Amino acid sequence: MLERDHSPIAPELRAAVHAHYQHVAPLLARHFTATPIVFASFPHGFDAPPQWHGPLNPRC
């Protein structure tokens, strides 16, 4: 469950957006291997540090 902070975004919408990007971010990274796409997820909530995903392609 995502914790509510002082964001104006409703918890249900935040959860839906988080679930969406949790699903599509690895697909984007896999399909754009020559593009330096790096993304973060927040597996321990938005109050904890992000978990960064990559890595960058060394040729970029």
Protein backbone atom coordinates (compact mmCIF):
# COMPACT_ATOMS: atom_id res chain seq x y z
CA MET A 1 0.00 0.00 0.00
CA LEU A 2 1.29 3.42 -0.90
CA GLU A 3 1.48 5.90 1.91
CA ARG A 4 -0.27 9.23 1.54
CA ASP A 5 1.97 12.28 1.73
CA HIS A 6 1.03 15.88 1.08
CA SER A 7 0.36 15.20 -2.59
CA PRO A 8 -2.87 16.52 -4.10
CA ILE A 9 -3.20 13.24 -6.03
CA ALA A 10 -5.73 10.80 -4.59
CA PRO A 11 -4.22 7.58 -3.16
CA GLU A 12 -6.20 5.45 -5.64
CA LEU A 13 -4.78 7.35 -8.60
CA ARG A 14 -1.26 7.21 -7.20
CA ALA A 15 -1.61 3.45 -6.76
CA ALA A 16 -2.87 3.05 -10.35
CA VAL A 17 -0.03 5.14 -11.79
CA HIS A 18 2.52 3.25 -9.70
CA ALA A 19 1.14 -0.11 -10.83
CA HIS A 20 1.16 1.01 -14.47
CA TYR A 21 4.79 2.13 -14.45
CA GLN A 22 5.85 -0.89 -12.44
CA HIS A 23 4.48 -2.95 -15.33
CA VAL A 24 5.65 -0.94 -18.35
CA ALA A 25 9.03 0.47 -17.25
CA PRO A 26 10.91 -2.85 -17.65
CA LEU A 27 9.31 -3.27 -21.09
CA LEU A 28 10.42 0.21 -22.13
CA ALA A 29 13.96 -0.45 -20.92
CA ARG A 30 14.11 -3.78 -22.77
CA HIS A 31 12.82 -2.35 -26.07
CA PHE A 32 15.00 0.75 -26.07
CA THR A 33 18.35 -0.87 -25.26
CA ALA A 34 20.41 1.71 -27.18
CA THR A 35 18.61 4.60 -25.50
CA PRO A 36 19.79 5.67 -22.05
CA ILE A 37 16.49 5.11 -20.24
CA VAL A 38 16.80 4.91 -16.49
CA PHE A 39 13.79 4.74 -14.24
CA ALA A 40 13.07 4.52 -10.57
CA SER A 41 10.58 2.52 -8.58
CA PHE A 42 9.58 2.98 -4.98
CA PRO A 43 9.16 -0.53 -3.56
CA HIS A 44 9.28 0.78 0.02
CA GLY A 45 6.94 3.73 -0.50
CA PHE A 46 7.52 7.29 -1.59
CA ASP A 47 9.12 8.26 1.71
CA ALA A 48 12.02 5.83 1.13
CA PRO A 49 14.83 6.26 -1.39
CA PRO A 50 14.03 5.18 -4.97
CA GLN A 51 15.37 2.01 -6.50
CA TRP A 52 17.01 2.91 -9.81
CA HIS A 53 16.83 0.54 -12.78
CA GLY A 54 19.06 0.49 -15.81
CA PRO A 55 21.86 0.08 -16.53
CA LEU A 56 22.81 2.53 -19.20
CA ASN A 57 24.22 1.05 -22.34
CA PRO A 58 28.02 1.63 -22.17
CA ARG A 59 28.01 2.77 -25.85
CA CYS A 60 25.79 5.75 -25.05
